[in-house]
Amino acid sequence: MKINADNHMNSENNNPYAGMWVTADGYIRHKLLPNGRYDEARGNRRSAYTGSYTITGNHIDYVDDTGFTADGEFRDGILYHAGMILYRERKVD
């Protein structure tokens, strides 16, 4: 994993966490884009929250476009965020 001098991933780095992360029931969906932006859907509401994120090691910090902040942690292939557990969505062929 490439990191910058401050041990933060930035939009030019190869981001191993980019992709779709979903709760077990599929209600919350976080799309982590490789450019450091995210798009969160809730139920039928697409783009319920959008903003930017920064990853330091296995820690993620979110700042939505209204200025609200949150964080989370990746552990054993699972994203723990704001009391939610999100799993990486795997595409089925």
PDB file of N, CA and C in Angstrom:
ATOM      1  N   MET A   1       0.845  -1.167   0.000  1.00  0.00           N
ATOM      2  CA  MET A   1       0.000   0.000   0.000  1.00  0.00           C
ATOM      3  C   MET A   1       0.891   1.231   0.000  1.00  0.00           C
ATOM      4  N   LYS A   2       0.622   2.158  -0.881  1.00  0.00           N
ATOM      5  CA  LYS A   2       1.365   3.405  -0.922  1.00  0.00           C
ATOM      6  C   LYS A   2       0.717   4.393   0.033  1.00  0.00           C
ATOM      7  N   ILE A   3       1.554   5.118   0.762  1.00  0.00           N
ATOM      8  CA  ILE A   3       1.049   6.118   1.679  1.00  0.00           C
ATOM      9  C   ILE A   3       1.878   7.374   1.510  1.00  0.00           C
ATOM     10  N   ASN A   4       1.313   8.517   1.884  1.00  0.00           N
ATOM     11  CA  ASN A   4       2.096   9.735   1.769  1.00  0.00           C
ATOM     12  C   ASN A   4       2.970   9.901   3.006  1.00  0.00           C
ATOM     13  N   ALA A   5       3.691  11.006   3.082  1.00  0.00           N
ATOM     14  CA  ALA A   5       4.651  11.206   4.160  1.00  0.00           C
ATOM     15  C   ALA A   5       4.004  11.203   5.536  1.00  0.00           C
ATOM     16  N   ASP A   6       2.717  11.535   5.619  1.00  0.00           N
ATOM     17  CA  ASP A   6       2.011  11.547   6.900  1.00  0.00           C
ATOM     18  C   ASP A   6       1.324  10.229   7.200  1.00  0.00           C
ATOM     19  N   ASN A   7       1.623   9.185   6.418  1.00  0.00           N
ATOM     20  CA  ASN A   7       1.020   7.865   6.594  1.00  0.00           C
ATOM     21  C   ASN A   7      -0.478   7.888   6.265  1.00  0.00           C
ATOM     22  N   HIS A   8      -0.892   8.795   5.380  1.00  0.00           N
ATOM     23  CA  HIS A   8      -2.276   8.886   4.934  1.00  0.00           C
ATOM     24  C   HIS A   8      -2.333   8.467   3.467  1.00  0.00           C
ATOM     25  N   MET A   9      -3.397   7.785   3.103  1.00  0.00           N
ATOM     26  CA  MET A   9      -3.621   7.487   1.687  1.00  0.00           C
ATOM     27  C   MET A   9      -4.226   8.714   1.062  1.00  0.00           C
ATOM     28  N   ASN A  10      -3.869   8.974  -0.185  1.00  0.00           N
ATOM     29  CA  ASN A  10      -4.515  10.079  -0.875  1.00  0.00           C
ATOM     30  C   ASN A  10      -5.044   9.592  -2.208  1.00  0.00           C
ATOM     31  N   SER A  11      -5.669  10.485  -2.948  1.00  0.00           N
ATOM     32  CA  SER A  11      -6.378  10.080  -4.161  1.00  0.00           C
ATOM     33  C   SER A  11      -5.455   9.514  -5.230  1.00  0.00           C
ATOM     34  N   GLU A  12      -4.169   9.762  -5.148  1.00  0.00           N
ATOM     35  CA  GLU A  12      -3.253   9.242  -6.159  1.00  0.00           C
ATOM     36  C   GLU A  12      -2.744   7.846  -5.807  1.00  0.00           C
ATOM     37  N   ASN A  13      -3.054   7.391  -4.601  1.00  0.00           N
ATOM     38  CA  ASN A  13      -2.577   6.090  -4.167  1.00  0.00           C
ATOM     39  C   ASN A  13      -3.522   4.977  -4.602  1.00  0.00           C
ATOM     40  N   ASN A  14      -2.994   3.783  -4.629  1.00  0.00           N
ATOM     41  CA  ASN A  14      -3.785   2.592  -4.901  1.00  0.00           C
ATOM     42  C   ASN A  14      -4.519   2.240  -3.601  1.00  0.00           C
ATOM     43  N   ASN A  15      -5.832   2.349  -3.588  1.00  0.00           N
ATOM     44  CA  ASN A  15      -6.616   2.225  -2.373  1.00  0.00           C
ATOM     45  C   ASN A  15      -7.216   0.824  -2.239  1.00  0.00           C
ATOM     46  N   PRO A  16      -6.703   0.004  -1.313  1.00  0.00           N
ATOM     47  CA  PRO A  16      -7.235  -1.357  -1.170  1.00  0.00           C
ATOM     48  C   PRO A  16      -8.640  -1.406  -0.578  1.00  0.00           C
ATOM     49  N   TYR A  17      -9.128  -0.306  -0.013  1.00  0.00           N
ATOM     50  CA  TYR A  17     -10.463  -0.282   0.595  1.00  0.00           C
ATOM     51  C   TYR A  17     -11.530   0.273  -0.336  1.00  0.00           C
ATOM     52  N   ALA A  18     -11.143   0.747  -1.511  1.00  0.00           N
ATOM     53  CA  ALA A  18     -12.126   1.280  -2.458  1.00  0.00           C
ATOM     54  C   ALA A  18     -13.095   0.180  -2.861  1.00  0.00           C
ATOM     55  N   GLY A  19     -14.348   0.558  -3.034  1.00  0.00           N
ATOM     56  CA  GLY A  19     -15.375  -0.391  -3.429  1.00  0.00           C
ATOM     57  C   GLY A  19     -16.627  -0.195  -2.598  1.00  0.00           C
ATOM     58  N   MET A  20     -17.551  -1.121  -2.724  1.00  0.00           N
ATOM     59  CA  MET A  20     -18.830  -1.031  -2.025  1.00  0.00           C
ATOM     60  C   MET A  20     -18.782  -1.810  -0.722  1.00  0.00           C
ATOM     61  N   TRP A  21     -19.243  -1.175   0.350  1.00  0.00           N
ATOM     62  CA  TRP A  21     -19.345  -1.778   1.672  1.00  0.00           C
ATOM     63  C   TRP A  21     -20.806  -1.702   2.091  1.00  0.00           C
ATOM     64  N   VAL A  22     -21.377  -2.810   2.575  1.00  0.00           N
ATOM     65  CA  VAL A  22     -22.806  -2.862   2.878  1.00  0.00           C
ATOM     66  C   VAL A  22     -23.057  -3.505   4.236  1.00  0.00           C
ATOM     67  N   THR A  23     -24.154  -3.093   4.879  1.00  0.00           N
ATOM     68  CA  THR A  23     -24.584  -3.772   6.094  1.00  0.00           C
ATOM     69  C   THR A  23     -25.175  -5.120   5.699  1.00  0.00           C
ATOM     70  N   ALA A  24     -25.293  -6.022   6.658  1.00  0.00           N
ATOM     71  CA  ALA A  24     -25.788  -7.376   6.371  1.00  0.00           C
ATOM     72  C   ALA A  24     -27.166  -7.361   5.726  1.00  0.00           C
ATOM     73  N   ASP A  25     -28.000  -6.400   6.098  1.00  0.00           N
ATOM     74  CA  ASP A  25     -29.345  -6.317   5.518  1.00  0.00           C
ATOM     75  C   ASP A  25     -29.387  -5.513   4.221  1.00  0.00           C
ATOM     76  N   GLY A  26     -28.233  -4.946   3.823  1.00  0.00           N
ATOM     77  CA  GLY A  26     -28.154  -4.185   2.580  1.00  0.00           C
ATOM     78  C   GLY A  26     -28.737  -2.785   2.645  1.00  0.00           C
ATOM     79  N   TYR A  27     -29.200  -2.360   3.809  1.00  0.00           N
ATOM     80  CA  TYR A  27     -29.866  -1.054   3.930  1.00  0.00           C
ATOM     81  C   TYR A  27     -28.881   0.111   3.769  1.00  0.00           C
ATOM     82  N   ILE A  28     -27.707  -0.001   4.383  1.00  0.00           N
ATOM     83  CA  ILE A  28     -26.672   1.038   4.293  1.00  0.00           C
ATOM     84  C   ILE A  28     -25.615   0.555   3.324  1.00  0.00           C
ATOM     85  N   ARG A  29     -25.269   1.413   2.363  1.00  0.00           N
ATOM     86  CA  ARG A  29     -24.264   1.075   1.364  1.00  0.00           C
ATOM     87  C   ARG A  29     -23.286   2.237   1.216  1.00  0.00           C
ATOM     88  N   HIS A  30     -22.026   1.980   1.522  1.00  0.00           N
ATOM     89  CA  HIS A  30     -20.965   2.981   1.365  1.00  0.00           C
ATOM     90  C   HIS A  30     -20.157   2.632   0.131  1.00  0.00           C
ATOM     91  N   LYS A  31     -20.142   3.510  -0.828  1.00  0.00           N
ATOM     92  CA  LYS A  31     -19.267   3.322  -1.983  1.00  0.00           C
ATOM     93  C   LYS A  31     -18.054   4.210  -1.763  1.00  0.00           C
ATOM     94  N   LEU A  32     -16.912   3.572  -1.470  1.00  0.00           N
ATOM     95  CA  LEU A  32     -15.660   4.299  -1.301  1.00  0.00           C
ATOM     96  C   LEU A  32     -14.979   4.373  -2.653  1.00  0.00           C
ATOM     97  N   LEU A  33     -14.926   5.565  -3.192  1.00  0.00           N
ATOM     98  CA  LEU A  33     -14.327   5.757  -4.512  1.00  0.00           C
ATOM     99  C   LEU A  33     -12.816   5.880  -4.383  1.00  0.00           C
ATOM    100  N   PRO A  34     -12.074   5.456  -5.393  1.00  0.00           N
ATOM    101  CA  PRO A  34     -10.607   5.496  -5.299  1.00  0.00           C
ATOM    102  C   PRO A  34     -10.039   6.910  -5.240  1.00  0.00           C
ATOM    103  N   ASN A  35     -10.846   7.924  -5.540  1.00  0.00           N
ATOM    104  CA  ASN A  35     -10.363   9.306  -5.533  1.00  0.00           C
ATOM    105  C   ASN A  35     -10.540   9.992  -4.177  1.00  0.00           C
ATOM    106  N   GLY A  36     -10.909   9.225  -3.122  1.00  0.00           N
ATOM    107  CA  GLY A  36     -11.052   9.809  -1.795  1.00  0.00           C
ATOM    108  C   GLY A  36     -12.434  10.373  -1.510  1.00  0.00           C
ATOM    109  N   ARG A  37     -13.400  10.103  -2.368  1.00  0.00           N
ATOM    110  CA  ARG A  37     -14.789  10.517  -2.149  1.00  0.00           C
ATOM    111  C   ARG A  37     -15.607   9.289  -1.782  1.00  0.00           C
ATOM    112  N   TYR A  38     -16.749   9.513  -1.122  1.00  0.00           N
ATOM    113  CA  TYR A  38     -17.664   8.415  -0.834  1.00  0.00           C
ATOM    114  C   TYR A  38     -19.084   8.843  -1.145  1.00  0.00           C
ATOM    115  N   ASP A  39     -19.924   7.845  -1.351  1.00  0.00           N
ATOM    116  CA  ASP A  39     -21.347   8.051  -1.622  1.00  0.00           C
ATOM    117  C   ASP A  39     -22.101   7.006  -0.815  1.00  0.00           C
ATOM    118  N   GLU A  40     -22.893   7.467   0.145  1.00  0.00           N
ATOM    119  CA  GLU A  40     -23.624   6.554   1.016  1.00  0.00           C
ATOM    120  C   GLU A  40     -25.094   6.534   0.637  1.00  0.00           C
ATOM    121  N   ALA A  41     -25.621   5.350   0.422  1.00  0.00           N
ATOM    122  CA  ALA A  41     -27.053   5.164   0.159  1.00  0.00           C
ATOM    123  C   ALA A  41     -27.689   4.542   1.390  1.00  0.00           C
ATOM    124  N   ARG A  42     -28.962   4.899   1.617  1.00  0.00           N
ATOM    125  CA  ARG A  42     -29.736   4.332   2.739  1.00  0.00           C
ATOM    126  C   ARG A  42     -31.089   3.917   2.206  1.00  0.00           C
ATOM    127  N   GLY A  43     -31.331   2.617   2.239  1.00  0.00           N
ATOM    128  CA  GLY A  43     -32.592   2.112   1.700  1.00  0.00           C
ATOM    129  C   GLY A  43     -32.724   2.483   0.230  1.00  0.00           C
ATOM    130  N   ASN A  44     -33.842   3.093  -0.134  1.00  0.00           N
ATOM    131  CA  ASN A  44     -34.066   3.523  -1.514  1.00  0.00           C
ATOM    132  C   ASN A  44     -33.499   4.901  -1.804  1.00  0.00           C
ATOM    133  N   ARG A  45     -32.914   5.528  -0.806  1.00  0.00           N
ATOM    134  CA  ARG A  45     -32.376   6.883  -0.970  1.00  0.00           C
ATOM    135  C   ARG A  45     -30.921   6.831  -1.433  1.00  0.00           C
ATOM    136  N   ARG A  46     -30.729   7.054  -2.709  1.00  0.00           N
ATOM    137  CA  ARG A  46     -29.371   7.102  -3.260  1.00  0.00           C
ATOM    138  C   ARG A  46     -28.699   8.401  -2.839  1.00  0.00           C
ATOM    139  N   SER A  47     -27.386   8.342  -2.684  1.00  0.00           N
ATOM    140  CA  SER A  47     -26.597   9.531  -2.335  1.00  0.00           C
ATOM    141  C   SER A  47     -27.183  10.271  -1.138  1.00  0.00           C
ATOM    142  N   ALA A  48     -27.579   9.520  -0.113  1.00  0.00           N
ATOM    143  CA  ALA A  48     -28.106  10.134   1.110  1.00  0.00           C
ATOM    144  C   ALA A  48     -27.044  11.023   1.750  1.00  0.00           C
ATOM    145  N   TYR A  49     -25.807  10.573   1.708  1.00  0.00           N
ATOM    146  CA  TYR A  49     -24.673  11.344   2.212  1.00  0.00           C
ATOM    147  C   TYR A  49     -23.523  11.185   1.236  1.00  0.00           C
ATOM    148  N   THR A  50     -22.846  12.276   0.965  1.00  0.00           N
ATOM    149  CA  THR A  50     -21.651  12.241   0.125  1.00  0.00           C
ATOM    150  C   THR A  50     -20.583  13.086   0.800  1.00  0.00           C
ATOM    151  N   GLY A  51     -19.342  12.776   0.501  1.00  0.00           N
ATOM    152  CA  GLY A  51     -18.260  13.545   1.086  1.00  0.00           C
ATOM    153  C   GLY A  51     -16.916  12.948   0.736  1.00  0.00           C
ATOM    154  N   SER A  52     -15.948  13.267   1.564  1.00  0.00           N
ATOM    155  CA  SER A  52     -14.587  12.779   1.336  1.00  0.00           C
ATOM    156  C   SER A  52     -14.164  11.913   2.519  1.00  0.00           C
ATOM    157  N   TYR A  53     -13.145  11.132   2.289  1.00  0.00           N
ATOM    158  CA  TYR A  53     -12.593  10.300   3.353  1.00  0.00           C
ATOM    159  C   TYR A  53     -11.087  10.254   3.235  1.00  0.00           C
ATOM    160  N   THR A  54     -10.444   9.970   4.365  1.00  0.00           N
ATOM    161  CA  THR A  54      -9.001   9.796   4.452  1.00  0.00           C
ATOM    162  C   THR A  54      -8.740   8.515   5.231  1.00  0.00           C
ATOM    163  N   ILE A  55      -7.798   7.737   4.758  1.00  0.00           N
ATOM    164  CA  ILE A  55      -7.446   6.497   5.447  1.00  0.00           C
ATOM    165  C   ILE A  55      -6.019   6.605   5.972  1.00  0.00           C
ATOM    166  N   THR A  56      -5.868   6.282   7.250  1.00  0.00           N
ATOM    167  CA  THR A  56      -4.557   6.207   7.889  1.00  0.00           C
ATOM    168  C   THR A  56      -4.443   4.812   8.488  1.00  0.00           C
ATOM    169  N   GLY A  57      -3.588   3.982   7.895  1.00  0.00           N
ATOM    170  CA  GLY A  57      -3.488   2.596   8.345  1.00  0.00           C
ATOM    171  C   GLY A  57      -4.813   1.900   8.104  1.00  0.00           C
ATOM    172  N   ASN A  58      -5.462   1.443   9.178  1.00  0.00           N
ATOM    173  CA  ASN A  58      -6.767   0.788   9.031  1.00  0.00           C
ATOM    174  C   ASN A  58      -7.908   1.679   9.549  1.00  0.00           C
ATOM    175  N   HIS A  59      -7.621   2.951   9.796  1.00  0.00           N
ATOM    176  CA  HIS A  59      -8.599   3.910  10.303  1.00  0.00           C
ATOM    177  C   HIS A  59      -9.109   4.788   9.157  1.00  0.00           C
ATOM    178  N   ILE A  60     -10.428   5.032   9.125  1.00  0.00           N
ATOM    179  CA  ILE A  60     -11.015   5.895   8.109  1.00  0.00           C
ATOM    180  C   ILE A  60     -11.698   7.077   8.787  1.00  0.00           C
ATOM    181  N   ASP A  61     -11.456   8.270   8.269  1.00  0.00           N
ATOM    182  CA  ASP A  61     -12.126   9.494   8.711  1.00  0.00           C
ATOM    183  C   ASP A  61     -12.980  10.000   7.567  1.00  0.00           C
ATOM    184  N   TYR A  62     -14.245  10.270   7.862  1.00  0.00           N
ATOM    185  CA  TYR A  62     -15.191  10.785   6.880  1.00  0.00           C
ATOM    186  C   TYR A  62     -15.493  12.254   7.184  1.00  0.00           C
ATOM    187  N   VAL A  63     -15.660  13.053   6.152  1.00  0.00           N
ATOM    188  CA  VAL A  63     -16.201  14.410   6.266  1.00  0.00           C
ATOM    189  C   VAL A  63     -17.241  14.530   5.171  1.00  0.00           C
ATOM    190  N   ASP A  64     -18.522  14.659   5.565  1.00  0.00           N
ATOM    191  CA  ASP A  64     -19.538  14.755   4.520  1.00  0.00           C
ATOM    192  C   ASP A  64     -19.593  16.185   3.986  1.00  0.00           C
ATOM    193  N   ASP A  65     -20.320  16.365   2.923  1.00  0.00           N
ATOM    194  CA  ASP A  65     -20.334  17.654   2.239  1.00  0.00           C
ATOM    195  C   ASP A  65     -20.987  18.771   3.048  1.00  0.00           C
ATOM    196  N   THR A  66     -21.642  18.437   4.158  1.00  0.00           N
ATOM    197  CA  THR A  66     -22.209  19.457   5.047  1.00  0.00           C
ATOM    198  C   THR A  66     -21.253  19.797   6.183  1.00  0.00           C
ATOM    199  N   GLY A  67     -20.126  19.045   6.296  1.00  0.00           N
ATOM    200  CA  GLY A  67     -19.143  19.282   7.343  1.00  0.00           C
ATOM    201  C   GLY A  67     -19.215  18.299   8.498  1.00  0.00           C
ATOM    202  N   PHE A  68     -20.220  17.415   8.510  1.00  0.00           N
ATOM    203  CA  PHE A  68     -20.340  16.397   9.556  1.00  0.00           C
ATOM    204  C   PHE A  68     -19.166  15.427   9.448  1.00  0.00           C
ATOM    205  N   THR A  69     -18.613  15.034  10.595  1.00  0.00           N
ATOM    206  CA  THR A  69     -17.479  14.102  10.596  1.00  0.00           C
ATOM    207  C   THR A  69     -17.838  12.803  11.306  1.00  0.00           C
ATOM    208  N   ALA A  70     -17.199  11.743  10.892  1.00  0.00           N
ATOM    209  CA  ALA A  70     -17.364  10.424  11.496  1.00  0.00           C
ATOM    210  C   ALA A  70     -16.090   9.643  11.207  1.00  0.00           C
ATOM    211  N   ASP A  71     -15.967   8.496  11.852  1.00  0.00           N
ATOM    212  CA  ASP A  71     -14.792   7.674  11.585  1.00  0.00           C
ATOM    213  C   ASP A  71     -15.155   6.203  11.692  1.00  0.00           C
ATOM    214  N   GLY A  72     -14.183   5.373  11.404  1.00  0.00           N
ATOM    215  CA  GLY A  72     -14.385   3.935  11.458  1.00  0.00           C
ATOM    216  C   GLY A  72     -13.054   3.221  11.417  1.00  0.00           C
ATOM    217  N   GLU A  73     -13.146   1.898  11.429  1.00  0.00           N
ATOM    218  CA  GLU A  73     -11.942   1.078  11.427  1.00  0.00           C
ATOM    219  C   GLU A  73     -12.173  -0.189  10.619  1.00  0.00           C
ATOM    220  N   PHE A  74     -11.196  -0.532   9.827  1.00  0.00           N
ATOM    221  CA  PHE A  74     -11.211  -1.792   9.081  1.00  0.00           C
ATOM    222  C   PHE A  74     -10.491  -2.840   9.917  1.00  0.00           C
ATOM    223  N   ARG A  75     -11.185  -3.965  10.187  1.00  0.00           N
ATOM    224  CA  ARG A  75     -10.574  -5.072  10.917  1.00  0.00           C
ATOM    225  C   ARG A  75     -11.009  -6.377  10.281  1.00  0.00           C
ATOM    226  N   ASP A  76     -10.045  -7.184   9.900  1.00  0.00           N
ATOM    227  CA  ASP A  76     -10.318  -8.512   9.342  1.00  0.00           C
ATOM    228  C   ASP A  76     -11.311  -8.459   8.189  1.00  0.00           C
ATOM    229  N   GLY A  77     -11.157  -7.469   7.310  1.00  0.00           N
ATOM    230  CA  GLY A  77     -12.008  -7.375   6.129  1.00  0.00           C
ATOM    231  C   GLY A  77     -13.397  -6.829   6.395  1.00  0.00           C
ATOM    232  N   ILE A  78     -13.615  -6.247   7.562  1.00  0.00           N
ATOM    233  CA  ILE A  78     -14.913  -5.676   7.934  1.00  0.00           C
ATOM    234  C   ILE A  78     -14.706  -4.214   8.302  1.00  0.00           C
ATOM    235  N   LEU A  79     -15.665  -3.361   7.920  1.00  0.00           N
ATOM    236  CA  LEU A  79     -15.627  -1.945   8.268  1.00  0.00           C
ATOM    237  C   LEU A  79     -16.580  -1.707   9.436  1.00  0.00           C
ATOM    238  N   TYR A  80     -16.033  -1.232  10.544  1.00  0.00           N
ATOM    239  CA  TYR A  80     -16.814  -0.859  11.716  1.00  0.00           C
ATOM    240  C   TYR A  80     -16.924   0.661  11.710  1.00  0.00           C
ATOM    241  N   HIS A  81     -18.154   1.165  11.587  1.00  0.00           N
ATOM    242  CA  HIS A  81     -18.367   2.605  11.415  1.00  0.00           C
ATOM    243  C   HIS A  81     -19.658   3.027  12.112  1.00  0.00           C
ATOM    244  N   ALA A  82     -19.548   3.940  13.068  1.00  0.00           N
ATOM    245  CA  ALA A  82     -20.700   4.561  13.727  1.00  0.00           C
ATOM    246  C   ALA A  82     -21.712   3.530  14.234  1.00  0.00           C
ATOM    247  N   GLY A  83     -21.227   2.477  14.862  1.00  0.00           N
ATOM    248  CA  GLY A  83     -22.103   1.448  15.393  1.00  0.00           C
ATOM    249  C   GLY A  83     -22.611   0.457  14.359  1.00  0.00           C
ATOM    250  N   MET A  84     -22.191   0.626  13.120  1.00  0.00           N
ATOM    251  CA  MET A  84     -22.602  -0.284  12.042  1.00  0.00           C
ATOM    252  C   MET A  84     -21.454  -1.216  11.689  1.00  0.00           C
ATOM    253  N   ILE A  85     -21.809  -2.352  11.134  1.00  0.00           N
ATOM    254  CA  ILE A  85     -20.830  -3.303  10.614  1.00  0.00           C
ATOM    255  C   ILE A  85     -21.116  -3.441   9.130  1.00  0.00           C
ATOM    256  N   LEU A  86     -20.110  -3.119   8.322  1.00  0.00           N
ATOM    257  CA  LEU A  86     -20.263  -3.187   6.867  1.00  0.00           C
ATOM    258  C   LEU A  86     -19.291  -4.193   6.291  1.00  0.00           C
ATOM    259  N   TYR A  87     -19.764  -4.932   5.309  1.00  0.00           N
ATOM    260  CA  TYR A  87     -18.983  -5.970   4.662  1.00  0.00           C
ATOM    261  C   TYR A  87     -18.701  -5.561   3.229  1.00  0.00           C
ATOM    262  N   ARG A  88     -17.544  -5.929   2.757  1.00  0.00           N
ATOM    263  CA  ARG A  88     -17.221  -5.627   1.352  1.00  0.00           C
ATOM    264  C   ARG A  88     -18.147  -6.420   0.449  1.00  0.00           C
ATOM    265  N   GLU A  89     -18.766  -5.736  -0.480  1.00  0.00           N
ATOM    266  CA  GLU A  89     -19.643  -6.406  -1.435  1.00  0.00           C
ATOM    267  C   GLU A  89     -18.811  -7.084  -2.494  1.00  0.00           C
ATOM    268  N   ARG A  90     -19.085  -8.324  -2.709  1.00  0.00           N
ATOM    269  CA  ARG A  90     -18.376  -9.108  -3.728  1.00  0.00           C
ATOM    270  C   ARG A  90     -19.290  -9.272  -4.926  1.00  0.00           C
ATOM    271  N   LYS A  91     -18.751  -9.027  -6.085  1.00  0.00           N
ATOM    272  CA  LYS A  91     -19.534  -9.239  -7.304  1.00  0.00           C
ATOM    273  C   LYS A  91     -19.591 -10.702  -7.611  1.00  0.00           C
ATOM    274  N   VAL A  92     -20.776 -11.171  -7.944  1.00  0.00           N
ATOM    275  CA  VAL A  92     -20.987 -12.576  -8.307  1.00  0.00           C
ATOM    276  C   VAL A  92     -21.090 -12.655  -9.809  1.00  0.00           C
ATOM    277  N   ASP A  93     -20.308 -13.552 -10.401  1.00  0.00           N
ATOM    278  CA  ASP A  93     -20.346 -13.704 -11.866  1.00  0.00           C
ATOM    279  C   ASP A  93     -21.507 -14.550 -12.296  1.00  0.00           C
TER     280      ASP A  93
END
